[in-house]
N, C-alpha and C. Protein backbone atom coordinates (compact mmCIF):
# COMPACT_ATOMS: atom_id res chain seq x y z
N MET A 1 131.87 112.82 86.02
CA MET A 1 131.54 113.24 87.36
C MET A 1 130.08 113.69 87.47
N LYS A 2 129.60 114.38 86.42
CA LYS A 2 128.22 114.85 86.41
C LYS A 2 127.25 113.67 86.38
N LYS A 3 127.62 112.61 85.64
CA LYS A 3 126.75 111.43 85.58
C LYS A 3 126.66 110.75 86.94
N LEU A 4 127.77 110.69 87.65
CA LEU A 4 127.79 110.07 88.97
C LEU A 4 126.93 110.88 89.94
N LEU A 5 127.02 112.19 89.87
CA LEU A 5 126.22 113.06 90.72
C LEU A 5 124.73 112.93 90.39
N ALA A 6 124.40 112.85 89.11
CA ALA A 6 123.01 112.68 88.71
C ALA A 6 122.47 111.33 89.17
N LEU A 7 123.26 110.28 89.05
CA LEU A 7 122.85 108.96 89.51
C LEU A 7 122.62 108.94 91.01
N PHE A 8 123.55 109.55 91.77
CA PHE A 8 123.40 109.62 93.21
C PHE A 8 122.14 110.39 93.60
N SER A 9 121.89 111.51 92.92
CA SER A 9 120.70 112.32 93.20
C SER A 9 119.43 111.54 92.92
N ALA A 10 119.39 110.81 91.82
CA ALA A 10 118.21 110.03 91.47
C ALA A 10 117.97 108.92 92.49
N LEU A 11 119.02 108.26 92.93
CA LEU A 11 118.87 107.21 93.94
C LEU A 11 118.39 107.79 95.27
N PHE A 12 118.87 108.96 95.63
CA PHE A 12 118.47 109.62 96.87
C PHE A 12 116.98 109.98 96.83
N VAL A 13 116.52 110.55 95.72
CA VAL A 13 115.11 110.91 95.56
C VAL A 13 114.24 109.66 95.58
N PHE A 14 114.67 108.61 94.91
CA PHE A 14 113.92 107.36 94.89
C PHE A 14 113.82 106.77 96.30
N ALA A 15 114.90 106.83 97.06
CA ALA A 15 114.89 106.31 98.43
C ALA A 15 113.92 107.09 99.30
N LEU A 16 113.88 108.39 99.16
CA LEU A 16 112.95 109.21 99.94
C LEU A 16 111.50 108.93 99.55
N ALA A 17 111.24 108.74 98.27
CA ALA A 17 109.87 108.47 97.81
C ALA A 17 109.36 107.14 98.33
N THR A 18 110.20 106.12 98.34
CA THR A 18 109.75 104.82 98.83
C THR A 18 109.57 104.85 100.34
N TYR A 19 110.38 105.64 101.04
CA TYR A 19 110.22 105.75 102.49
C TYR A 19 108.91 106.43 102.83
N ALA A 20 108.55 107.48 102.10
CA ALA A 20 107.32 108.23 102.39
C ALA A 20 106.10 107.36 102.15
N ASP A 21 106.12 106.52 101.13
CA ASP A 21 104.97 105.67 100.84
C ASP A 21 104.78 104.58 101.89
N ALA A 22 105.84 104.17 102.54
CA ALA A 22 105.78 103.05 103.47
C ALA A 22 105.14 103.44 104.81
N SER A 23 104.97 104.73 105.08
CA SER A 23 104.47 105.15 106.38
C SER A 23 102.95 105.08 106.49
N CYS A 24 102.23 105.05 105.39
CA CYS A 24 100.76 104.95 105.40
C CYS A 24 100.33 103.75 104.55
N GLN A 25 99.30 103.08 105.03
CA GLN A 25 98.77 101.93 104.31
C GLN A 25 97.25 101.98 104.32
N CYS A 26 96.64 101.46 103.29
CA CYS A 26 95.19 101.26 103.27
C CYS A 26 94.93 99.83 103.71
N VAL A 27 94.21 99.68 104.82
CA VAL A 27 93.95 98.35 105.38
C VAL A 27 92.46 98.19 105.64
N CYS A 28 92.05 96.95 105.82
CA CYS A 28 90.68 96.66 106.25
C CYS A 28 90.67 96.71 107.77
N MET A 29 89.92 97.68 108.31
CA MET A 29 89.82 97.83 109.76
C MET A 29 88.36 97.70 110.15
N ASP A 30 88.05 96.70 110.97
CA ASP A 30 86.69 96.43 111.40
C ASP A 30 85.73 96.32 110.21
N GLY A 31 86.19 95.72 109.11
CA GLY A 31 85.34 95.47 107.95
C GLY A 31 85.25 96.60 106.95
N GLN A 32 85.98 97.71 107.15
CA GLN A 32 85.96 98.85 106.24
C GLN A 32 87.38 99.25 105.87
N VAL A 33 87.56 99.79 104.65
CA VAL A 33 88.87 100.23 104.21
C VAL A 33 89.19 101.57 104.86
N ARG A 34 90.34 101.64 105.52
CA ARG A 34 90.79 102.86 106.20
C ARG A 34 92.28 103.05 105.94
N ALA A 35 92.71 104.30 105.99
CA ALA A 35 94.14 104.61 105.89
C ALA A 35 94.72 104.62 107.29
N VAL A 36 95.83 103.93 107.49
CA VAL A 36 96.52 103.88 108.77
C VAL A 36 97.94 104.37 108.54
N CYS A 37 98.33 105.41 109.28
CA CYS A 37 99.67 106.00 109.14
C CYS A 37 100.46 105.78 110.43
N SER A 38 101.77 105.71 110.28
CA SER A 38 102.63 105.50 111.45
C SER A 38 102.93 106.81 112.17
N SER A 39 102.65 107.95 111.54
CA SER A 39 102.91 109.25 112.16
C SER A 39 101.72 110.17 111.92
N THR A 40 101.45 111.07 112.86
CA THR A 40 100.36 112.01 112.69
C THR A 40 100.71 113.09 111.67
N LEU A 41 101.97 113.22 111.31
CA LEU A 41 102.40 114.21 110.34
C LEU A 41 102.22 113.75 108.90
N ASP A 42 102.02 112.45 108.70
CA ASP A 42 101.86 111.90 107.35
C ASP A 42 100.50 112.26 106.79
N ILE A 43 100.44 112.44 105.48
CA ILE A 43 99.18 112.72 104.79
C ILE A 43 98.54 111.39 104.44
N GLU A 44 97.28 111.20 104.86
CA GLU A 44 96.58 109.95 104.58
C GLU A 44 96.30 109.82 103.09
N PRO A 45 96.56 108.64 102.51
CA PRO A 45 96.26 108.44 101.09
C PRO A 45 94.76 108.24 100.89
N ILE A 46 94.32 108.44 99.66
CA ILE A 46 92.94 108.13 99.31
C ILE A 46 92.90 106.66 98.96
N CYS A 47 92.16 105.89 99.74
CA CYS A 47 92.12 104.44 99.55
C CYS A 47 91.09 104.08 98.48
N SER A 48 91.49 103.21 97.58
CA SER A 48 90.55 102.76 96.55
C SER A 48 89.51 101.85 97.19
N PRO A 49 88.28 101.93 96.71
CA PRO A 49 87.23 101.09 97.29
C PRO A 49 87.50 99.61 97.01
N ARG A 50 87.26 98.79 98.01
CA ARG A 50 87.38 97.35 97.86
C ARG A 50 86.51 96.68 98.90
N ILE A 51 86.27 95.43 98.70
CA ILE A 51 85.42 94.68 99.64
C ILE A 51 86.32 94.01 100.66
N CYS A 52 86.06 94.30 101.92
CA CYS A 52 86.83 93.69 103.01
C CYS A 52 86.09 92.46 103.51
N PRO A 53 86.82 91.44 103.94
CA PRO A 53 86.17 90.28 104.53
C PRO A 53 85.42 90.68 105.80
N MET A 54 84.38 89.94 106.11
CA MET A 54 83.61 90.22 107.31
C MET A 54 84.46 89.91 108.54
N THR A 55 84.28 90.72 109.58
CA THR A 55 85.00 90.47 110.83
C THR A 55 84.31 89.34 111.58
N THR A 56 85.09 88.50 112.18
CA THR A 56 84.53 87.42 112.98
C THR A 56 84.34 87.91 114.41
N PRO A 57 83.34 87.44 115.09
CA PRO A 57 83.16 87.88 116.48
C PRO A 57 84.38 87.52 117.32
N SER A 58 84.83 88.47 118.09
CA SER A 58 86.03 88.27 118.89
C SER A 58 85.98 89.20 120.09
N ILE A 59 86.58 88.77 121.17
CA ILE A 59 86.63 89.59 122.38
C ILE A 59 87.87 90.47 122.32
N GLU A 60 87.66 91.76 122.57
CA GLU A 60 88.77 92.71 122.55
C GLU A 60 89.77 92.38 123.66
N PRO A 61 91.07 92.35 123.32
CA PRO A 61 92.07 92.05 124.35
C PRO A 61 92.13 93.16 125.41
N ILE A 62 92.62 92.83 126.56
CA ILE A 62 92.76 93.80 127.65
C ILE A 62 93.85 94.80 127.27
N GLN A 63 93.50 96.10 127.36
CA GLN A 63 94.46 97.14 127.03
C GLN A 63 95.28 97.50 128.24
N ARG A 64 96.56 97.59 128.06
CA ARG A 64 97.42 98.03 129.15
C ARG A 64 97.41 99.55 129.20
N PRO A 65 97.39 100.14 130.37
CA PRO A 65 97.39 101.60 130.46
C PRO A 65 98.72 102.17 129.99
N ARG A 66 98.63 103.18 129.13
CA ARG A 66 99.84 103.84 128.66
C ARG A 66 99.50 105.21 128.11
N VAL A 67 100.49 106.05 127.98
CA VAL A 67 100.33 107.39 127.45
C VAL A 67 100.37 107.31 125.93
N PRO A 68 99.40 107.92 125.24
CA PRO A 68 99.42 107.88 123.77
C PRO A 68 100.64 108.61 123.20
N PRO A 69 101.07 108.25 122.00
CA PRO A 69 102.21 108.92 121.36
C PRO A 69 101.92 110.41 121.12
N LEU A 70 102.96 111.19 120.92
CA LEU A 70 102.81 112.62 120.65
C LEU A 70 101.93 112.84 119.42
N GLY A 71 101.05 113.82 119.51
CA GLY A 71 100.16 114.14 118.39
C GLY A 71 98.86 113.37 118.38
N THR A 72 98.69 112.46 119.33
CA THR A 72 97.45 111.69 119.43
C THR A 72 96.85 111.90 120.81
N SER A 73 95.55 111.63 120.92
CA SER A 73 94.91 111.81 122.22
C SER A 73 94.45 110.51 122.85
N LYS A 74 94.24 109.47 122.02
CA LYS A 74 93.82 108.18 122.59
C LYS A 74 94.23 107.04 121.68
N CYS A 75 94.34 105.87 122.27
CA CYS A 75 94.66 104.65 121.52
C CYS A 75 93.57 103.62 121.82
N VAL A 76 93.13 102.90 120.79
CA VAL A 76 92.11 101.88 120.94
C VAL A 76 92.54 100.62 120.19
N GLN A 77 91.95 99.50 120.56
CA GLN A 77 92.21 98.24 119.88
C GLN A 77 91.23 98.11 118.71
N LYS A 78 91.73 97.79 117.52
CA LYS A 78 90.91 97.60 116.33
C LYS A 78 91.31 96.30 115.66
N GLN A 79 90.37 95.70 114.95
CA GLN A 79 90.67 94.50 114.19
C GLN A 79 91.17 94.90 112.82
N ILE A 80 92.43 94.55 112.51
CA ILE A 80 93.07 94.87 111.24
C ILE A 80 93.27 93.57 110.48
N TYR A 81 92.88 93.57 109.20
CA TYR A 81 93.01 92.36 108.37
C TYR A 81 94.46 92.18 107.94
N ASN A 82 95.01 91.00 108.19
CA ASN A 82 96.38 90.66 107.80
C ASN A 82 96.31 89.87 106.50
N GLU A 83 96.86 90.44 105.42
CA GLU A 83 96.82 89.79 104.10
C GLU A 83 97.59 88.48 104.09
N ASP A 84 98.64 88.38 104.92
CA ASP A 84 99.46 87.16 104.92
C ASP A 84 98.72 85.98 105.54
N THR A 85 98.09 86.21 106.69
CA THR A 85 97.39 85.12 107.38
C THR A 85 95.93 85.00 106.98
N ARG A 86 95.42 86.02 106.28
CA ARG A 86 94.02 86.09 105.85
C ARG A 86 93.06 86.03 107.03
N ARG A 87 93.45 86.71 108.10
CA ARG A 87 92.63 86.80 109.31
C ARG A 87 92.71 88.20 109.88
N TYR A 88 91.70 88.54 110.66
CA TYR A 88 91.74 89.80 111.39
C TYR A 88 92.55 89.60 112.66
N GLU A 89 93.36 90.60 112.99
CA GLU A 89 94.17 90.57 114.20
C GLU A 89 93.94 91.86 114.97
N TRP A 90 93.96 91.78 116.29
CA TRP A 90 93.80 92.96 117.12
C TRP A 90 95.10 93.74 117.14
N LYS A 91 95.01 95.04 116.79
CA LYS A 91 96.17 95.93 116.84
C LYS A 91 95.76 97.25 117.46
N GLU A 92 96.73 97.91 118.06
CA GLU A 92 96.47 99.20 118.67
C GLU A 92 96.57 100.31 117.64
N VAL A 93 95.54 101.16 117.57
CA VAL A 93 95.49 102.29 116.63
C VAL A 93 95.31 103.55 117.46
N CYS A 94 96.15 104.55 117.22
CA CYS A 94 96.09 105.79 117.99
C CYS A 94 95.57 106.92 117.11
N TYR A 95 94.71 107.76 117.69
CA TYR A 95 94.12 108.91 116.98
C TYR A 95 94.56 110.19 117.63
């Protein structure tokens, strides 16, 4: 019974650790490495230095008016590098 409880506890801790890591990412934003978090309560990681591809000239998409999420004061469009497509894509980032 103790082994089952220990196994369950270890799996629970592992699940929480992987969930916490998934909320912040180091991405190339406008040609520079930045930490982007899904919540204002998350602690930003220290991003390792790397070379980001140059941003291509692009017109910023039209922003629809909306209220920023709780804990932020404004949202802006930024070019975020997508590793899968190997291109910059416009995404909304809130501060």
